Amino acid sequence: MARVVELMDPQDLGIQLRLVADAPRHPKLFAAFQDKVMGGASTRLTSLLRRAVARGELPEDIDIGWAADALIGVVFMRTVRSLGKGPLSVAAQRRIVTSMLTTFGYAPGDE
């Protein structure tokens, strides 16, 4: 989660949003951005979620791609809503992860 928050640093978010907005005009640039920035974080997050499924911490039938997108989407929206206030705090990151894990079917004490 910390890496996702780091990638959405409010100081860099404007550039990232511009790359997304200009994707139709500059598809190669956007593809490079997806590969270098978005792809690595997404791969790490989906690997983490797969390991959680393998350990029985998340349900076997969870849609890993959706779960990763949901986590990233929440971080993105919270970052946009708090522009000018700095990156999401560690406490905010924990709340997001806890809420999402509960949504995904994990209950503390299931270990």
N, C-alpha and C. Protein backbone atom coordinates (compact mmCIF):
# COMPACT_ATOMS: atom_id res chain seq x y z
N MET A 1 0.83 -1.18 0.00
CA MET A 1 0.00 0.00 0.00
C MET A 1 0.87 1.25 0.00
N ALA A 2 1.96 1.20 0.76
CA ALA A 2 2.85 2.36 0.83
C ALA A 2 3.41 2.70 -0.55
N ARG A 3 3.71 1.70 -1.35
CA ARG A 3 4.24 1.96 -2.70
C ARG A 3 3.17 2.60 -3.59
N VAL A 4 1.94 2.15 -3.48
CA VAL A 4 0.85 2.74 -4.25
C VAL A 4 0.67 4.20 -3.86
N VAL A 5 0.69 4.48 -2.57
CA VAL A 5 0.58 5.86 -2.09
C VAL A 5 1.75 6.69 -2.60
N GLU A 6 2.93 6.12 -2.57
CA GLU A 6 4.12 6.83 -3.06
C GLU A 6 3.97 7.17 -4.55
N LEU A 7 3.44 6.24 -5.33
CA LEU A 7 3.26 6.48 -6.76
C LEU A 7 2.22 7.57 -7.03
N MET A 8 1.32 7.76 -6.08
CA MET A 8 0.28 8.78 -6.24
C MET A 8 0.59 10.04 -5.43
N ASP A 9 1.87 10.27 -5.21
CA ASP A 9 2.28 11.47 -4.49
C ASP A 9 1.58 12.68 -5.12
N PRO A 10 0.93 13.50 -4.29
CA PRO A 10 0.22 14.66 -4.84
C PRO A 10 1.08 15.56 -5.73
N GLN A 11 2.38 15.59 -5.49
CA GLN A 11 3.25 16.42 -6.33
C GLN A 11 3.39 15.86 -7.73
N ASP A 12 3.22 14.54 -7.88
CA ASP A 12 3.35 13.89 -9.18
C ASP A 12 2.01 13.58 -9.84
N LEU A 13 0.95 13.68 -9.09
CA LEU A 13 -0.36 13.26 -9.59
C LEU A 13 -0.79 14.05 -10.82
N GLY A 14 -0.50 15.34 -10.86
CA GLY A 14 -0.88 16.15 -12.02
C GLY A 14 -0.25 15.64 -13.31
N ILE A 15 1.00 15.26 -13.22
CA ILE A 15 1.70 14.72 -14.39
C ILE A 15 1.06 13.41 -14.82
N GLN A 16 0.76 12.57 -13.84
CA GLN A 16 0.15 11.28 -14.16
C GLN A 16 -1.22 11.46 -14.79
N LEU A 17 -2.01 12.37 -14.26
CA LEU A 17 -3.33 12.61 -14.83
C LEU A 17 -3.21 13.16 -16.25
N ARG A 18 -2.19 13.97 -16.48
CA ARG A 18 -1.97 14.52 -17.82
C ARG A 18 -1.61 13.41 -18.79
N LEU A 19 -0.79 12.45 -18.34
CA LEU A 19 -0.45 11.31 -19.20
C LEU A 19 -1.69 10.51 -19.57
N VAL A 20 -2.57 10.33 -18.61
CA VAL A 20 -3.82 9.61 -18.87
C VAL A 20 -4.68 10.40 -19.85
N ALA A 21 -4.83 11.69 -19.61
CA ALA A 21 -5.66 12.53 -20.48
C ALA A 21 -5.12 12.58 -21.91
N ASP A 22 -3.81 12.55 -22.05
CA ASP A 22 -3.19 12.64 -23.38
C ASP A 22 -2.94 11.27 -24.02
N ALA A 23 -3.38 10.21 -23.39
CA ALA A 23 -3.14 8.87 -23.92
C ALA A 23 -3.60 8.69 -25.36
N PRO A 24 -4.77 9.19 -25.74
CA PRO A 24 -5.18 9.01 -27.14
C PRO A 24 -4.23 9.69 -28.14
N ARG A 25 -3.64 10.80 -27.76
CA ARG A 25 -2.72 11.50 -28.65
C ARG A 25 -1.30 10.98 -28.58
N HIS A 26 -0.95 10.36 -27.46
CA HIS A 26 0.43 9.88 -27.25
C HIS A 26 0.39 8.45 -26.68
N PRO A 27 -0.12 7.50 -27.46
CA PRO A 27 -0.28 6.14 -26.93
C PRO A 27 1.03 5.47 -26.52
N LYS A 28 2.11 5.74 -27.21
CA LYS A 28 3.39 5.12 -26.84
C LYS A 28 3.88 5.63 -25.50
N LEU A 29 3.74 6.92 -25.28
CA LEU A 29 4.13 7.50 -24.00
C LEU A 29 3.28 6.92 -22.87
N PHE A 30 1.98 6.81 -23.10
CA PHE A 30 1.10 6.24 -22.09
C PHE A 30 1.43 4.77 -21.84
N ALA A 31 1.73 4.03 -22.90
CA ALA A 31 2.10 2.62 -22.73
C ALA A 31 3.35 2.48 -21.88
N ALA A 32 4.32 3.36 -22.10
CA ALA A 32 5.55 3.34 -21.29
C ALA A 32 5.23 3.65 -19.84
N PHE A 33 4.37 4.63 -19.61
CA PHE A 33 3.94 4.98 -18.25
C PHE A 33 3.26 3.79 -17.59
N GLN A 34 2.35 3.15 -18.32
CA GLN A 34 1.67 1.97 -17.76
C GLN A 34 2.66 0.88 -17.41
N ASP A 35 3.60 0.63 -18.31
CA ASP A 35 4.57 -0.44 -18.11
C ASP A 35 5.51 -0.14 -16.95
N LYS A 36 6.06 1.05 -16.93
CA LYS A 36 7.09 1.37 -15.93
C LYS A 36 6.53 1.71 -14.56
N VAL A 37 5.42 2.41 -14.52
CA VAL A 37 4.90 2.90 -13.24
C VAL A 37 3.74 2.03 -12.75
N MET A 38 2.71 1.97 -13.54
CA MET A 38 1.50 1.29 -13.11
C MET A 38 1.66 -0.23 -13.07
N GLY A 39 2.34 -0.77 -14.06
CA GLY A 39 2.47 -2.22 -14.16
C GLY A 39 3.20 -2.85 -12.99
N GLY A 40 4.30 -2.24 -12.59
CA GLY A 40 5.07 -2.79 -11.48
C GLY A 40 4.30 -2.82 -10.18
N ALA A 41 3.63 -1.74 -9.87
CA ALA A 41 2.84 -1.68 -8.64
C ALA A 41 1.69 -2.66 -8.69
N SER A 42 1.04 -2.75 -9.84
CA SER A 42 -0.08 -3.66 -9.99
C SER A 42 0.37 -5.12 -9.85
N THR A 43 1.50 -5.44 -10.45
CA THR A 43 2.04 -6.80 -10.36
C THR A 43 2.36 -7.17 -8.92
N ARG A 44 2.99 -6.25 -8.20
CA ARG A 44 3.32 -6.53 -6.79
C ARG A 44 2.05 -6.69 -5.95
N LEU A 45 1.07 -5.84 -6.19
CA LEU A 45 -0.16 -5.92 -5.42
C LEU A 45 -0.93 -7.20 -5.72
N THR A 46 -1.03 -7.59 -6.99
CA THR A 46 -1.74 -8.83 -7.30
C THR A 46 -0.99 -10.04 -6.74
N SER A 47 0.34 -10.00 -6.74
CA SER A 47 1.11 -11.09 -6.13
C SER A 47 0.83 -11.19 -4.64
N LEU A 48 0.78 -10.06 -3.99
CA LEU A 48 0.48 -10.03 -2.56
C LEU A 48 -0.90 -10.61 -2.29
N LEU A 49 -1.88 -10.23 -3.09
CA LEU A 49 -3.24 -10.74 -2.91
C LEU A 49 -3.30 -12.24 -3.19
N ARG A 50 -2.58 -12.70 -4.20
CA ARG A 50 -2.54 -14.15 -4.49
C ARG A 50 -1.94 -14.93 -3.31
N ARG A 51 -0.89 -14.38 -2.72
CA ARG A 51 -0.29 -15.05 -1.55
C ARG A 51 -1.29 -15.10 -0.40
N ALA A 52 -2.07 -14.04 -0.23
CA ALA A 52 -3.08 -14.02 0.83
C ALA A 52 -4.14 -15.09 0.57
N VAL A 53 -4.51 -15.30 -0.67
CA VAL A 53 -5.47 -16.36 -1.02
C VAL A 53 -4.84 -17.71 -0.72
N ALA A 54 -3.58 -17.90 -1.12
CA ALA A 54 -2.89 -19.18 -0.89
C ALA A 54 -2.77 -19.51 0.60
N ARG A 55 -2.63 -18.48 1.43
CA ARG A 55 -2.53 -18.69 2.88
C ARG A 55 -3.91 -18.83 3.54
N GLY A 56 -4.97 -18.69 2.75
CA GLY A 56 -6.31 -18.79 3.30
C GLY A 56 -6.79 -17.52 3.97
N GLU A 57 -6.09 -16.41 3.78
CA GLU A 57 -6.48 -15.14 4.39
C GLU A 57 -7.58 -14.43 3.61
N LEU A 58 -7.69 -14.76 2.34
CA LEU A 58 -8.75 -14.21 1.49
C LEU A 58 -9.45 -15.38 0.80
N PRO A 59 -10.71 -15.22 0.44
CA PRO A 59 -11.45 -16.30 -0.20
C PRO A 59 -10.82 -16.72 -1.53
N GLU A 60 -10.91 -18.00 -1.84
CA GLU A 60 -10.35 -18.53 -3.09
C GLU A 60 -11.02 -17.94 -4.32
N ASP A 61 -12.28 -17.55 -4.19
CA ASP A 61 -13.03 -17.07 -5.35
C ASP A 61 -12.92 -15.56 -5.57
N ILE A 62 -12.04 -14.91 -4.83
CA ILE A 62 -11.89 -13.46 -4.98
C ILE A 62 -11.35 -13.14 -6.38
N ASP A 63 -11.84 -12.08 -6.96
CA ASP A 63 -11.34 -11.60 -8.24
C ASP A 63 -10.13 -10.71 -7.94
N ILE A 64 -8.95 -11.27 -8.13
CA ILE A 64 -7.71 -10.59 -7.75
C ILE A 64 -7.55 -9.27 -8.49
N GLY A 65 -7.84 -9.25 -9.77
CA GLY A 65 -7.71 -8.02 -10.54
C GLY A 65 -8.64 -6.93 -10.03
N TRP A 66 -9.87 -7.31 -9.74
CA TRP A 66 -10.84 -6.35 -9.20
C TRP A 66 -10.38 -5.85 -7.84
N ALA A 67 -9.91 -6.75 -7.01
CA ALA A 67 -9.47 -6.37 -5.66
C ALA A 67 -8.31 -5.37 -5.74
N ALA A 68 -7.35 -5.64 -6.62
CA ALA A 68 -6.21 -4.72 -6.78
C ALA A 68 -6.69 -3.37 -7.29
N ASP A 69 -7.57 -3.40 -8.30
CA ASP A 69 -8.10 -2.14 -8.83
C ASP A 69 -8.88 -1.38 -7.77
N ALA A 70 -9.63 -2.09 -6.95
CA ALA A 70 -10.42 -1.44 -5.90
C ALA A 70 -9.50 -0.74 -4.89
N LEU A 71 -8.46 -1.42 -4.47
CA LEU A 71 -7.51 -0.80 -3.53
C LEU A 71 -6.86 0.43 -4.14
N ILE A 72 -6.39 0.30 -5.36
CA ILE A 72 -5.74 1.43 -6.03
C ILE A 72 -6.74 2.56 -6.25
N GLY A 73 -7.96 2.21 -6.62
CA GLY A 73 -8.99 3.22 -6.85
C GLY A 73 -9.31 4.02 -5.60
N VAL A 74 -9.40 3.35 -4.47
CA VAL A 74 -9.68 4.06 -3.22
C VAL A 74 -8.52 5.00 -2.88
N VAL A 75 -7.29 4.50 -3.03
CA VAL A 75 -6.14 5.36 -2.75
C VAL A 75 -6.14 6.56 -3.69
N PHE A 76 -6.45 6.33 -4.96
CA PHE A 76 -6.49 7.42 -5.92
C PHE A 76 -7.52 8.47 -5.51
N MET A 77 -8.73 8.05 -5.22
CA MET A 77 -9.79 8.99 -4.86
C MET A 77 -9.46 9.74 -3.57
N ARG A 78 -8.91 9.04 -2.59
CA ARG A 78 -8.54 9.71 -1.34
C ARG A 78 -7.42 10.71 -1.58
N THR A 79 -6.50 10.38 -2.47
CA THR A 79 -5.40 11.29 -2.79
C THR A 79 -5.95 12.54 -3.48
N VAL A 80 -6.83 12.35 -4.45
CA VAL A 80 -7.41 13.49 -5.16
C VAL A 80 -8.20 14.38 -4.20
N ARG A 81 -8.96 13.76 -3.31
CA ARG A 81 -9.77 14.53 -2.36
C ARG A 81 -8.92 15.29 -1.35
N SER A 82 -7.70 14.86 -1.14
CA SER A 82 -6.87 15.52 -0.13
C SER A 82 -5.70 16.28 -0.76
N LEU A 83 -5.83 16.68 -2.02
CA LEU A 83 -4.76 17.44 -2.66
C LEU A 83 -4.43 18.68 -1.83
N GLY A 84 -3.17 18.95 -1.72
CA GLY A 84 -2.71 20.09 -0.94
C GLY A 84 -2.45 19.74 0.52
N LYS A 85 -2.78 18.52 0.91
CA LYS A 85 -2.59 18.10 2.30
C LYS A 85 -1.48 17.06 2.44
N GLY A 86 -0.79 16.76 1.35
CA GLY A 86 0.28 15.77 1.40
C GLY A 86 -0.24 14.37 1.14
N PRO A 87 0.67 13.39 1.11
CA PRO A 87 0.27 12.01 0.84
C PRO A 87 -0.57 11.44 1.98
N LEU A 88 -1.26 10.37 1.69
CA LEU A 88 -2.09 9.72 2.71
C LEU A 88 -1.21 9.26 3.87
N SER A 89 -1.69 9.48 5.05
CA SER A 89 -0.94 9.08 6.25
C SER A 89 -0.94 7.55 6.37
N VAL A 90 -0.02 7.06 7.18
CA VAL A 90 0.04 5.62 7.45
C VAL A 90 -1.28 5.16 8.08
N ALA A 91 -1.85 5.97 8.96
CA ALA A 91 -3.13 5.62 9.59
C ALA A 91 -4.24 5.50 8.53
N ALA A 92 -4.26 6.43 7.59
CA ALA A 92 -5.26 6.38 6.52
C ALA A 92 -5.05 5.15 5.65
N GLN A 93 -3.81 4.82 5.37
CA GLN A 93 -3.51 3.61 4.59
C GLN A 93 -4.00 2.37 5.32
N ARG A 94 -3.77 2.31 6.62
CA ARG A 94 -4.24 1.16 7.42
C ARG A 94 -5.75 1.03 7.38
N ARG A 95 -6.45 2.18 7.49
CA ARG A 95 -7.92 2.14 7.44
C ARG A 95 -8.41 1.62 6.09
N ILE A 96 -7.77 2.05 5.02
CA ILE A 96 -8.15 1.57 3.69
C ILE A 96 -7.94 0.07 3.59
N VAL A 97 -6.77 -0.39 3.98
CA VAL A 97 -6.46 -1.82 3.89
C VAL A 97 -7.42 -2.64 4.76
N THR A 98 -7.66 -2.20 5.98
CA THR A 98 -8.57 -2.92 6.88
C THR A 98 -9.97 -2.99 6.29
N SER A 99 -10.46 -1.86 5.80
CA SER A 99 -11.80 -1.84 5.21
C SER A 99 -11.89 -2.74 3.98
N MET A 100 -10.87 -2.67 3.14
CA MET A 100 -10.90 -3.48 1.93
C MET A 100 -10.78 -4.97 2.25
N LEU A 101 -9.94 -5.32 3.21
CA LEU A 101 -9.83 -6.73 3.59
C LEU A 101 -11.16 -7.26 4.12
N THR A 102 -11.84 -6.46 4.91
CA THR A 102 -13.15 -6.84 5.40
C THR A 102 -14.13 -7.03 4.23
N THR A 103 -14.08 -6.12 3.27
CA THR A 103 -14.92 -6.24 2.08
C THR A 103 -14.59 -7.50 1.29
N PHE A 104 -13.32 -7.84 1.23
CA PHE A 104 -12.89 -9.02 0.48
C PHE A 104 -13.19 -10.33 1.20
N GLY A 105 -13.62 -10.25 2.47
CA GLY A 105 -13.99 -11.47 3.19
C GLY A 105 -13.03 -11.89 4.26
N TYR A 106 -12.08 -11.05 4.62
CA TYR A 106 -11.12 -11.39 5.66
C TYR A 106 -11.61 -10.79 6.97
N ALA A 107 -11.57 -11.60 8.00
CA ALA A 107 -11.91 -11.11 9.33
C ALA A 107 -10.72 -11.38 10.25
N PRO A 108 -10.25 -10.34 10.97
CA PRO A 108 -9.12 -10.57 11.89
C PRO A 108 -9.43 -11.75 12.81
N GLY A 109 -8.41 -12.54 13.02
CA GLY A 109 -8.58 -13.72 13.86
C GLY A 109 -8.83 -14.97 13.03
N ASP A 110 -8.92 -14.83 11.69
CA ASP A 110 -9.14 -15.98 10.81
C ASP A 110 -7.88 -16.84 10.67
N GLU A 111 -6.72 -16.30 11.09
CA GLU A 111 -5.47 -17.01 10.85
C GLU A 111 -5.49 -18.36 11.48
